[in-house]
Amino acid sequence: MKHWIFWPLILTCTISGSPAFPAGADIWPALKQGGHVILMRHGAVDNLSRSTSPDADFEGCEGQYNLTDEGLEQVKQLGTSLRKRKIPIGEVRASPLCRTRDSARIAFGAFQVWPLLEPLPESDLEDRQQRIEAISRVIANHKGRKNLVLITHQPNIDALTLEVVDPATMVVVKPDGKGGFNVIRKLPPKEWRMGR
């Protein structure tokens, strides 16, 4: 079964209706083979802090939601979990916001900022559509023996995969070789922590 993602007048991509690896199945051997894309939401944030204004300076974090101590620990453990499982990680891209950049740095070390990963606009549907399509193309074209990591926000992951995710949750997708991609598995913290 496949779901079709529609935005006004444009079809973006198809994703599988049911994950290839249901909850409880061992996805780690597949990730060790590379060729997947990991969509990751940043760690837990302080929702009492000021949110980012449209003219916010992305080089300063004072006006943004930032990682809490729990969020810092989440992304640290996530990175450690992937390294201990010997999951090959290639390029890591992160939204320009501080919570995503901090998540990338703490979990993976080296990363590059990709502006398209910042929160999708709610009112500018044309810009929203263009960004979804651009991100989808990068996912669909990914190849190789390593996994691509995209660290972004809940609305973006939902738009791309129809998955609602908590902080520090990963959604694993795999290009289908036909210009689209399949959702393989959602991995919340309880599933990626060591011991599972």
N, C-alpha and C. Protein backbone atom coordinates (compact mmCIF):
# COMPACT_ATOMS: atom_id res chain seq x y z
N MET A 1 0.85 -1.20 0.00
CA MET A 1 0.00 0.00 0.00
C MET A 1 0.87 1.24 0.00
N LYS A 2 0.50 2.24 -0.81
CA LYS A 2 1.26 3.48 -0.84
C LYS A 2 0.35 4.66 -0.55
N HIS A 3 0.91 5.65 0.14
CA HIS A 3 0.23 6.93 0.33
C HIS A 3 0.79 7.90 -0.70
N TRP A 4 -0.06 8.75 -1.21
CA TRP A 4 0.38 9.81 -2.12
C TRP A 4 0.31 11.13 -1.38
N ILE A 5 1.41 11.89 -1.44
CA ILE A 5 1.47 13.17 -0.75
C ILE A 5 1.10 14.27 -1.75
N PHE A 6 -0.01 14.95 -1.49
CA PHE A 6 -0.45 16.01 -2.38
C PHE A 6 -0.31 17.37 -1.69
N TRP A 7 0.25 18.31 -2.41
CA TRP A 7 0.15 19.72 -2.06
C TRP A 7 -0.51 20.37 -3.28
N PRO A 8 -0.94 21.62 -3.18
CA PRO A 8 -1.72 22.21 -4.27
C PRO A 8 -1.10 22.01 -5.65
N LEU A 9 -1.82 21.31 -6.53
CA LEU A 9 -1.50 21.13 -7.94
C LEU A 9 -0.27 20.28 -8.20
N ILE A 10 0.44 19.83 -7.15
CA ILE A 10 1.71 19.16 -7.39
C ILE A 10 1.78 17.87 -6.59
N LEU A 11 2.26 16.81 -7.22
CA LEU A 11 2.52 15.55 -6.55
C LEU A 11 3.99 15.49 -6.23
N THR A 12 4.34 15.26 -4.97
CA THR A 12 5.75 15.28 -4.62
C THR A 12 6.39 13.91 -4.72
N CYS A 13 5.88 12.93 -4.05
CA CYS A 13 6.54 11.63 -4.04
C CYS A 13 5.60 10.61 -3.45
N THR A 14 6.02 9.37 -3.46
CA THR A 14 5.25 8.32 -2.81
C THR A 14 6.06 7.75 -1.67
N ILE A 15 5.38 7.31 -0.63
CA ILE A 15 6.05 6.62 0.46
C ILE A 15 5.22 5.41 0.80
N SER A 16 5.87 4.39 1.34
CA SER A 16 5.17 3.15 1.61
C SER A 16 4.16 3.32 2.72
N GLY A 17 3.05 2.60 2.63
CA GLY A 17 2.00 2.73 3.62
C GLY A 17 2.31 2.06 4.93
N SER A 18 3.18 1.07 4.94
CA SER A 18 3.55 0.41 6.18
C SER A 18 5.05 0.21 6.19
N PRO A 19 5.71 0.47 7.34
CA PRO A 19 7.16 0.36 7.40
C PRO A 19 7.65 -1.03 7.02
N ALA A 20 8.81 -1.08 6.33
CA ALA A 20 9.38 -2.36 5.95
C ALA A 20 9.87 -3.13 7.16
N PHE A 21 10.24 -2.41 8.22
CA PHE A 21 10.68 -3.02 9.46
C PHE A 21 9.73 -2.59 10.56
N PRO A 22 8.70 -3.38 10.86
CA PRO A 22 7.76 -3.01 11.91
C PRO A 22 8.44 -2.97 13.27
N ALA A 23 7.79 -2.32 14.23
CA ALA A 23 8.35 -2.21 15.58
C ALA A 23 8.72 -3.59 16.10
N GLY A 24 9.92 -3.68 16.65
CA GLY A 24 10.40 -4.94 17.19
C GLY A 24 11.34 -5.67 16.26
N ALA A 25 11.27 -5.38 14.95
CA ALA A 25 12.17 -6.02 13.99
C ALA A 25 13.55 -5.37 14.08
N ASP A 26 14.58 -6.11 13.72
CA ASP A 26 15.95 -5.63 13.83
C ASP A 26 16.34 -4.89 12.56
N ILE A 27 16.37 -3.57 12.64
CA ILE A 27 16.70 -2.75 11.47
C ILE A 27 18.19 -2.50 11.34
N TRP A 28 18.95 -2.75 12.39
CA TRP A 28 20.36 -2.34 12.42
C TRP A 28 21.21 -3.00 11.34
N PRO A 29 21.04 -4.30 11.03
CA PRO A 29 21.83 -4.87 9.93
C PRO A 29 21.61 -4.15 8.60
N ALA A 30 20.38 -3.72 8.34
CA ALA A 30 20.10 -2.99 7.10
C ALA A 30 20.81 -1.64 7.10
N LEU A 31 20.80 -0.95 8.23
CA LEU A 31 21.48 0.35 8.31
C LEU A 31 22.99 0.20 8.16
N LYS A 32 23.53 -0.92 8.61
CA LYS A 32 24.97 -1.15 8.46
C LYS A 32 25.38 -1.26 7.00
N GLN A 33 24.45 -1.60 6.13
CA GLN A 33 24.74 -1.71 4.70
C GLN A 33 24.78 -0.36 4.01
N GLY A 34 24.32 0.70 4.70
CA GLY A 34 24.31 2.04 4.11
C GLY A 34 23.19 2.21 3.09
N GLY A 35 23.24 3.34 2.39
CA GLY A 35 22.25 3.62 1.36
C GLY A 35 20.93 4.17 1.86
N HIS A 36 20.81 4.40 3.15
CA HIS A 36 19.58 4.92 3.74
C HIS A 36 19.73 6.42 4.03
N VAL A 37 18.60 7.05 4.28
CA VAL A 37 18.58 8.44 4.76
C VAL A 37 17.89 8.45 6.11
N ILE A 38 18.53 9.08 7.08
CA ILE A 38 17.98 9.18 8.43
C ILE A 38 17.47 10.60 8.64
N LEU A 39 16.16 10.74 8.74
CA LEU A 39 15.55 12.02 9.09
C LEU A 39 15.43 12.07 10.60
N MET A 40 16.06 13.04 11.21
CA MET A 40 16.12 13.08 12.67
C MET A 40 15.56 14.41 13.18
N ARG A 41 14.71 14.32 14.19
CA ARG A 41 14.26 15.54 14.86
C ARG A 41 15.26 15.88 15.95
N HIS A 42 15.50 17.14 16.16
CA HIS A 42 16.41 17.62 17.21
C HIS A 42 15.98 17.11 18.59
N GLY A 43 16.85 17.26 19.57
CA GLY A 43 16.54 16.84 20.93
C GLY A 43 15.51 17.75 21.59
N ALA A 44 15.11 17.37 22.80
CA ALA A 44 14.09 18.11 23.55
C ALA A 44 14.52 19.56 23.77
N VAL A 45 13.53 20.48 23.70
CA VAL A 45 13.81 21.90 23.83
C VAL A 45 13.03 22.50 24.99
N ASP A 46 13.42 23.72 25.34
CA ASP A 46 12.73 24.49 26.37
C ASP A 46 11.62 25.29 25.71
N ASN A 47 10.39 24.82 25.85
CA ASN A 47 9.27 25.48 25.19
C ASN A 47 8.86 26.78 25.87
N LEU A 48 9.50 27.13 26.96
CA LEU A 48 9.20 28.38 27.64
C LEU A 48 10.06 29.53 27.12
N SER A 49 11.08 29.20 26.35
CA SER A 49 11.93 30.25 25.79
C SER A 49 11.26 30.90 24.59
N ARG A 50 11.78 32.02 24.15
CA ARG A 50 11.20 32.72 23.01
C ARG A 50 11.47 31.94 21.73
N SER A 51 10.49 31.88 20.86
CA SER A 51 10.67 31.20 19.58
C SER A 51 11.38 32.13 18.60
N THR A 52 11.79 31.57 17.49
CA THR A 52 12.52 32.35 16.50
C THR A 52 11.58 33.28 15.75
N SER A 53 11.92 34.57 15.71
CA SER A 53 11.14 35.53 14.95
C SER A 53 11.56 35.46 13.48
N PRO A 54 10.74 35.96 12.55
CA PRO A 54 11.10 35.88 11.12
C PRO A 54 12.43 36.53 10.78
N ASP A 55 12.84 37.55 11.55
CA ASP A 55 14.10 38.23 11.24
C ASP A 55 15.20 37.83 12.23
N ALA A 56 15.07 36.65 12.83
CA ALA A 56 16.05 36.23 13.84
C ALA A 56 17.42 36.04 13.21
N ASP A 57 18.43 36.33 13.99
CA ASP A 57 19.81 36.09 13.59
C ASP A 57 20.15 34.66 13.94
N PHE A 58 20.34 33.79 12.93
CA PHE A 58 20.60 32.39 13.19
C PHE A 58 21.96 32.16 13.85
N GLU A 59 22.80 33.19 13.89
CA GLU A 59 24.08 33.04 14.57
C GLU A 59 23.94 33.24 16.07
N GLY A 60 22.81 33.74 16.51
CA GLY A 60 22.57 33.93 17.93
C GLY A 60 21.41 33.07 18.39
N CYS A 61 21.52 32.44 19.55
CA CYS A 61 20.51 31.47 19.98
C CYS A 61 19.51 32.05 20.98
N GLU A 62 19.70 33.30 21.40
CA GLU A 62 18.89 33.82 22.48
C GLU A 62 17.40 33.86 22.15
N GLY A 63 17.05 34.08 20.88
CA GLY A 63 15.65 34.20 20.51
C GLY A 63 15.03 32.91 20.01
N GLN A 64 15.69 31.78 20.24
CA GLN A 64 15.22 30.52 19.71
C GLN A 64 14.92 29.52 20.83
N TYR A 65 14.12 28.50 20.49
CA TYR A 65 13.99 27.36 21.39
C TYR A 65 15.34 26.63 21.38
N ASN A 66 15.84 26.29 22.56
CA ASN A 66 17.14 25.65 22.65
C ASN A 66 17.06 24.32 23.40
N LEU A 67 18.05 23.47 23.18
CA LEU A 67 18.06 22.16 23.81
C LEU A 67 18.14 22.29 25.33
N THR A 68 17.33 21.50 26.01
CA THR A 68 17.41 21.39 27.47
C THR A 68 18.52 20.42 27.83
N ASP A 69 18.77 20.26 29.11
CA ASP A 69 19.75 19.25 29.55
C ASP A 69 19.32 17.87 29.07
N GLU A 70 18.01 17.61 29.10
CA GLU A 70 17.51 16.33 28.59
C GLU A 70 17.79 16.19 27.10
N GLY A 71 17.56 17.27 26.35
CA GLY A 71 17.80 17.23 24.91
C GLY A 71 19.26 17.02 24.58
N LEU A 72 20.15 17.67 25.34
CA LEU A 72 21.58 17.49 25.13
C LEU A 72 21.99 16.04 25.36
N GLU A 73 21.44 15.45 26.41
CA GLU A 73 21.76 14.05 26.73
C GLU A 73 21.18 13.11 25.68
N GLN A 74 19.98 13.42 25.20
CA GLN A 74 19.35 12.57 24.17
C GLN A 74 20.24 12.46 22.93
N VAL A 75 20.67 13.60 22.40
CA VAL A 75 21.44 13.55 21.14
C VAL A 75 22.83 12.98 21.38
N LYS A 76 23.39 13.17 22.55
CA LYS A 76 24.67 12.55 22.87
C LYS A 76 24.54 11.03 22.86
N GLN A 77 23.47 10.52 23.49
CA GLN A 77 23.24 9.08 23.53
C GLN A 77 22.93 8.54 22.14
N LEU A 78 22.20 9.30 21.35
CA LEU A 78 21.87 8.86 19.99
C LEU A 78 23.14 8.65 19.17
N GLY A 79 24.02 9.63 19.20
CA GLY A 79 25.28 9.49 18.46
C GLY A 79 26.10 8.32 18.94
N THR A 80 26.16 8.14 20.27
CA THR A 80 26.91 7.02 20.84
C THR A 80 26.31 5.69 20.41
N SER A 81 24.98 5.61 20.39
CA SER A 81 24.29 4.39 19.99
C SER A 81 24.63 4.00 18.56
N LEU A 82 24.62 4.96 17.65
CA LEU A 82 24.93 4.66 16.25
C LEU A 82 26.38 4.26 16.07
N ARG A 83 27.29 4.90 16.80
CA ARG A 83 28.70 4.54 16.70
C ARG A 83 28.95 3.13 17.24
N LYS A 84 28.36 2.81 18.38
CA LYS A 84 28.56 1.49 18.95
C LYS A 84 27.98 0.39 18.08
N ARG A 85 26.93 0.72 17.34
CA ARG A 85 26.34 -0.26 16.43
C ARG A 85 27.05 -0.28 15.08
N LYS A 86 28.07 0.60 14.94
CA LYS A 86 28.88 0.66 13.72
C LYS A 86 28.02 1.00 12.49
N ILE A 87 27.11 1.94 12.67
CA ILE A 87 26.29 2.41 11.55
C ILE A 87 27.10 3.43 10.76
N PRO A 88 27.35 3.17 9.48
CA PRO A 88 28.18 4.11 8.70
C PRO A 88 27.42 5.40 8.38
N ILE A 89 27.97 6.49 8.83
CA ILE A 89 27.36 7.80 8.62
C ILE A 89 28.21 8.60 7.64
N GLY A 90 27.58 9.10 6.61
CA GLY A 90 28.28 9.94 5.64
C GLY A 90 28.02 11.41 5.93
N GLU A 91 27.39 12.07 5.00
CA GLU A 91 27.11 13.50 5.15
C GLU A 91 26.01 13.73 6.19
N VAL A 92 26.20 14.76 6.99
CA VAL A 92 25.20 15.18 7.97
C VAL A 92 24.83 16.62 7.66
N ARG A 93 23.54 16.86 7.44
CA ARG A 93 23.04 18.21 7.19
C ARG A 93 22.06 18.59 8.28
N ALA A 94 22.06 19.86 8.66
CA ALA A 94 21.19 20.33 9.74
C ALA A 94 20.52 21.65 9.36
N SER A 95 19.32 21.84 9.88
CA SER A 95 18.63 23.12 9.79
C SER A 95 19.50 24.21 10.44
N PRO A 96 19.35 25.47 10.01
CA PRO A 96 20.18 26.55 10.57
C PRO A 96 19.89 26.86 12.04
N LEU A 97 18.75 26.42 12.58
CA LEU A 97 18.41 26.80 13.95
C LEU A 97 19.36 26.15 14.96
N CYS A 98 19.52 26.81 16.08
CA CYS A 98 20.53 26.38 17.05
C CYS A 98 20.25 24.98 17.59
N ARG A 99 18.99 24.64 17.79
CA ARG A 99 18.68 23.34 18.37
C ARG A 99 19.05 22.19 17.43
N THR A 100 18.96 22.44 16.12
CA THR A 100 19.34 21.40 15.17
C THR A 100 20.84 21.36 14.96
N ARG A 101 21.47 22.53 14.94
CA ARG A 101 22.93 22.56 14.80
C ARG A 101 23.60 21.94 16.02
N ASP A 102 23.08 22.23 17.21
CA ASP A 102 23.64 21.63 18.42
C ASP A 102 23.44 20.12 18.41
N SER A 103 22.27 19.67 17.96
CA SER A 103 22.01 18.23 17.89
C SER A 103 22.99 17.56 16.94
N ALA A 104 23.25 18.19 15.81
CA ALA A 104 24.19 17.62 14.83
C ALA A 104 25.60 17.57 15.38
N ARG A 105 26.02 18.66 15.99
CA ARG A 105 27.39 18.73 16.50
C ARG A 105 27.63 17.71 17.60
N ILE A 106 26.69 17.61 18.53
CA ILE A 106 26.87 16.71 19.67
C ILE A 106 26.76 15.25 19.25
N ALA A 107 25.82 14.94 18.37
CA ALA A 107 25.61 13.54 17.97
C ALA A 107 26.64 13.06 16.96
N PHE A 108 27.05 13.94 16.03
CA PHE A 108 27.85 13.46 14.91
C PHE A 108 29.18 14.18 14.70
N GLY A 109 29.37 15.33 15.33
CA GLY A 109 30.60 16.08 15.10
C GLY A 109 30.46 16.99 13.90
N ALA A 110 31.08 16.62 12.79
CA ALA A 110 31.06 17.44 11.59
C ALA A 110 29.68 17.43 10.94
N PHE A 111 29.26 18.58 10.44
CA PHE A 111 27.99 18.69 9.74
C PHE A 111 27.99 19.96 8.90
N GLN A 112 27.03 20.08 8.00
CA GLN A 112 26.86 21.32 7.26
C GLN A 112 25.44 21.82 7.43
N VAL A 113 25.30 23.14 7.45
CA VAL A 113 23.98 23.76 7.57
C VAL A 113 23.32 23.75 6.20
N TRP A 114 22.07 23.32 6.18
CA TRP A 114 21.27 23.31 4.94
C TRP A 114 20.00 24.09 5.20
N PRO A 115 19.90 25.32 4.71
CA PRO A 115 18.75 26.17 5.01
C PRO A 115 17.39 25.56 4.68
N LEU A 116 17.32 24.68 3.70
CA LEU A 116 16.03 24.08 3.34
C LEU A 116 15.43 23.25 4.47
N LEU A 117 16.24 22.88 5.46
CA LEU A 117 15.75 22.05 6.56
C LEU A 117 15.13 22.86 7.69
N GLU A 118 15.18 24.20 7.62
CA GLU A 118 14.53 24.98 8.67
C GLU A 118 13.02 24.77 8.60
N PRO A 119 12.27 25.10 9.66
CA PRO A 119 10.83 24.78 9.68
C PRO A 119 10.10 25.26 8.44
N LEU A 120 9.26 24.39 7.90
CA LEU A 120 8.50 24.74 6.71
C LEU A 120 7.53 25.89 7.00
N PRO A 121 7.38 26.81 6.06
CA PRO A 121 6.42 27.91 6.26
C PRO A 121 5.00 27.38 6.20
N GLU A 122 4.13 27.99 6.97
CA GLU A 122 2.72 27.57 6.98
C GLU A 122 1.88 28.34 5.97
N SER A 123 2.27 29.57 5.67
CA SER A 123 1.43 30.42 4.82
C SER A 123 1.89 30.48 3.37
N ASP A 124 3.19 30.42 3.13
CA ASP A 124 3.71 30.50 1.77
C ASP A 124 3.74 29.10 1.17
N LEU A 125 2.64 28.69 0.56
CA LEU A 125 2.52 27.32 0.06
C LEU A 125 3.47 27.03 -1.10
N GLU A 126 3.76 28.04 -1.90
CA GLU A 126 4.67 27.82 -3.03
C GLU A 126 6.07 27.51 -2.53
N ASP A 127 6.56 28.31 -1.56
CA ASP A 127 7.88 28.07 -0.99
C ASP A 127 7.91 26.73 -0.27
N ARG A 128 6.85 26.42 0.46
CA ARG A 128 6.76 25.15 1.17
C ARG A 128 6.90 23.98 0.20
N GLN A 129 6.15 24.06 -0.91
CA GLN A 129 6.17 22.99 -1.90
C GLN A 129 7.55 22.83 -2.53
N GLN A 130 8.17 23.94 -2.87
CA GLN A 130 9.49 23.90 -3.50
C GLN A 130 10.51 23.27 -2.58
N ARG A 131 10.43 23.57 -1.30
CA ARG A 131 11.38 23.00 -0.34
C ARG A 131 11.15 21.52 -0.14
N ILE A 132 9.89 21.11 -0.03
CA ILE A 132 9.60 19.68 0.10
C ILE A 132 10.13 18.92 -1.10
N GLU A 133 9.93 19.47 -2.30
CA GLU A 133 10.40 18.79 -3.51
C GLU A 133 11.92 18.72 -3.53
N ALA A 134 12.60 19.80 -3.13
CA ALA A 134 14.06 19.81 -3.15
C ALA A 134 14.63 18.79 -2.17
N ILE A 135 14.07 18.74 -0.97
CA ILE A 135 14.53 17.76 0.03
C ILE A 135 14.24 16.34 -0.46
N SER A 136 13.06 16.14 -1.04
CA SER A 136 12.69 14.82 -1.54
C SER A 136 13.65 14.35 -2.62
N ARG A 137 14.09 15.25 -3.47
CA ARG A 137 15.04 14.87 -4.53
C ARG A 137 16.37 14.42 -3.95
N VAL A 138 16.84 15.13 -2.93
CA VAL A 138 18.10 14.73 -2.28
C VAL A 138 17.97 13.34 -1.67
N ILE A 139 16.85 13.10 -1.00
CA ILE A 139 16.61 11.78 -0.41
C ILE A 139 16.56 10.71 -1.48
N ALA A 140 15.78 10.95 -2.52
CA ALA A 140 15.59 9.95 -3.58
C ALA A 140 16.88 9.64 -4.33
N ASN A 141 17.79 10.60 -4.42
CA ASN A 141 19.03 10.42 -5.18
C ASN A 141 20.19 9.90 -4.34
N HIS A 142 19.97 9.69 -3.06
CA HIS A 142 21.08 9.25 -2.21
C HIS A 142 21.50 7.82 -2.57
N LYS A 143 22.81 7.63 -2.69
CA LYS A 143 23.38 6.31 -2.96
C LYS A 143 24.66 6.15 -2.15
N GLY A 144 25.13 4.91 -2.08
CA GLY A 144 26.42 4.70 -1.45
C GLY A 144 26.36 3.76 -0.27
N ARG A 145 27.52 3.55 0.32
CA ARG A 145 27.64 2.61 1.42
C ARG A 145 27.48 3.27 2.79
N LYS A 146 27.20 4.57 2.78
CA LYS A 146 26.99 5.28 4.03
C LYS A 146 25.57 5.84 4.06
N ASN A 147 25.14 6.25 5.24
CA ASN A 147 23.80 6.79 5.42
C ASN A 147 23.87 8.31 5.54
N LEU A 148 22.96 8.98 4.85
CA LEU A 148 22.83 10.43 4.92
C LEU A 148 21.93 10.79 6.10
N VAL A 149 22.33 11.79 6.88
CA VAL A 149 21.54 12.24 8.03
C VAL A 149 21.05 13.66 7.78
N LEU A 150 19.75 13.87 7.93
CA LEU A 150 19.14 15.19 7.82
C LEU A 150 18.47 15.52 9.14
N ILE A 151 18.97 16.54 9.83
CA ILE A 151 18.45 16.90 11.16
C ILE A 151 17.56 18.12 11.00
N THR A 152 16.29 17.95 11.35
CA THR A 152 15.31 18.97 11.04
C THR A 152 14.22 19.04 12.11
N HIS A 153 13.00 19.37 11.71
CA HIS A 153 11.93 19.68 12.65
C HIS A 153 10.69 18.82 12.38
N GLN A 154 9.82 18.74 13.37
CA GLN A 154 8.63 17.90 13.28
C GLN A 154 7.79 18.19 12.02
N PRO A 155 7.44 19.45 11.72
CA PRO A 155 6.60 19.68 10.53
C PRO A 155 7.24 19.17 9.24
N ASN A 156 8.55 19.28 9.14
CA ASN A 156 9.25 18.84 7.93
C ASN A 156 9.19 17.32 7.80
N ILE A 157 9.47 16.62 8.90
CA ILE A 157 9.44 15.16 8.85
C ILE A 157 8.04 14.66 8.57
N ASP A 158 7.04 15.31 9.15
CA ASP A 158 5.65 14.94 8.91
C ASP A 158 5.30 15.13 7.43
N ALA A 159 5.70 16.26 6.85
CA ALA A 159 5.38 16.53 5.45
C ALA A 159 6.06 15.54 4.51
N LEU A 160 7.25 15.10 4.87
CA LEU A 160 8.00 14.20 4.00
C LEU A 160 7.61 12.74 4.15
N THR A 161 7.17 12.34 5.34
CA THR A 161 6.98 10.91 5.61
C THR A 161 5.61 10.55 6.20
N LEU A 162 4.80 11.55 6.54
CA LEU A 162 3.53 11.33 7.25
C LEU A 162 3.74 10.71 8.62
N GLU A 163 4.89 10.93 9.22
CA GLU A 163 5.20 10.43 10.55
C GLU A 163 5.28 11.59 11.54
N VAL A 164 4.57 11.47 12.66
CA VAL A 164 4.68 12.43 13.76
C VAL A 164 5.75 11.91 14.71
N VAL A 165 6.74 12.74 15.01
CA VAL A 165 7.89 12.26 15.78
C VAL A 165 8.15 13.13 17.00
N ASP A 166 8.55 12.50 18.07
CA ASP A 166 8.98 13.19 19.27
C ASP A 166 10.44 13.62 19.11
N PRO A 167 10.94 14.47 20.02
CA PRO A 167 12.35 14.86 19.95
C PRO A 167 13.29 13.66 19.96
N ALA A 168 14.40 13.80 19.26
CA ALA A 168 15.45 12.77 19.19
C ALA A 168 14.93 11.46 18.59
N THR A 169 13.93 11.56 17.73
CA THR A 169 13.42 10.39 17.02
C THR A 169 13.95 10.41 15.59
N MET A 170 14.29 9.23 15.08
CA MET A 170 14.76 9.09 13.71
C MET A 170 13.69 8.39 12.87
N VAL A 171 13.55 8.82 11.63
CA VAL A 171 12.74 8.10 10.65
C VAL A 171 13.69 7.67 9.54
N VAL A 172 13.81 6.37 9.35
CA VAL A 172 14.72 5.82 8.35
C VAL A 172 13.95 5.63 7.04
N VAL A 173 14.48 6.18 5.97
CA VAL A 173 13.88 6.02 4.65
C VAL A 173 14.93 5.50 3.68
N LYS A 174 14.47 4.91 2.58
CA LYS A 174 15.40 4.36 1.60
C LYS A 174 14.93 4.72 0.19
N PRO A 175 15.82 5.27 -0.63
CA PRO A 175 15.46 5.55 -2.02
C PRO A 175 14.99 4.28 -2.73
N ASP A 176 13.98 4.43 -3.59
CA ASP A 176 13.43 3.25 -4.27
C ASP A 176 14.00 3.05 -5.67
N GLY A 177 14.93 3.93 -6.08
CA GLY A 177 15.53 3.80 -7.39
C GLY A 177 14.64 4.27 -8.53
N LYS A 178 13.48 4.82 -8.21
CA LYS A 178 12.53 5.28 -9.22
C LYS A 178 12.17 6.75 -9.03
N GLY A 179 13.01 7.46 -8.28
CA GLY A 179 12.74 8.87 -8.05
C GLY A 179 11.95 9.16 -6.79
N GLY A 180 11.69 8.14 -5.99
CA GLY A 180 10.96 8.31 -4.73
C GLY A 180 11.70 7.62 -3.60
N PHE A 181 11.01 7.40 -2.51
CA PHE A 181 11.63 6.72 -1.38
C PHE A 181 10.56 6.06 -0.53
N ASN A 182 10.98 5.05 0.23
CA ASN A 182 10.09 4.30 1.11
C ASN A 182 10.44 4.56 2.56
N VAL A 183 9.42 4.72 3.38
CA VAL A 183 9.64 4.82 4.82
C VAL A 183 9.91 3.41 5.35
N ILE A 184 11.04 3.25 5.99
CA ILE A 184 11.45 1.94 6.49
C ILE A 184 11.06 1.73 7.95
N ARG A 185 11.33 2.72 8.78
CA ARG A 185 11.06 2.54 10.21
C ARG A 185 11.19 3.84 10.97
N LYS A 186 10.32 4.06 11.92
CA LYS A 186 10.46 5.16 12.88
C LYS A 186 11.14 4.62 14.12
N LEU A 187 12.18 5.33 14.58
CA LEU A 187 12.96 4.89 15.74
C LEU A 187 12.93 5.95 16.83
N PRO A 188 11.99 5.86 17.76
CA PRO A 188 11.99 6.77 18.91
C PRO A 188 13.13 6.38 19.86
N PRO A 189 13.45 7.23 20.83
CA PRO A 189 14.57 6.94 21.74
C PRO A 189 14.51 5.57 22.39
N LYS A 190 13.32 5.09 22.74
CA LYS A 190 13.24 3.80 23.42
C LYS A 190 13.71 2.65 22.53
N GLU A 191 13.74 2.88 21.20
CA GLU A 191 14.16 1.82 20.30
C GLU A 191 15.62 1.94 19.88
N TRP A 192 16.20 3.15 19.87
CA TRP A 192 17.61 3.25 19.47
C TRP A 192 18.57 3.19 20.65
N ARG A 193 18.05 3.31 21.87
CA ARG A 193 18.96 3.21 23.01
C ARG A 193 19.57 1.83 23.07
N MET A 194 20.82 1.77 23.50
CA MET A 194 21.52 0.48 23.57
C MET A 194 20.78 -0.45 24.52
N GLY A 195 20.85 -1.74 24.19
CA GLY A 195 20.14 -2.73 25.01
C GLY A 195 18.94 -3.27 24.29
N ARG A 196 18.60 -2.60 23.13
CA ARG A 196 17.49 -3.11 22.32
C ARG A 196 18.02 -3.66 21.01
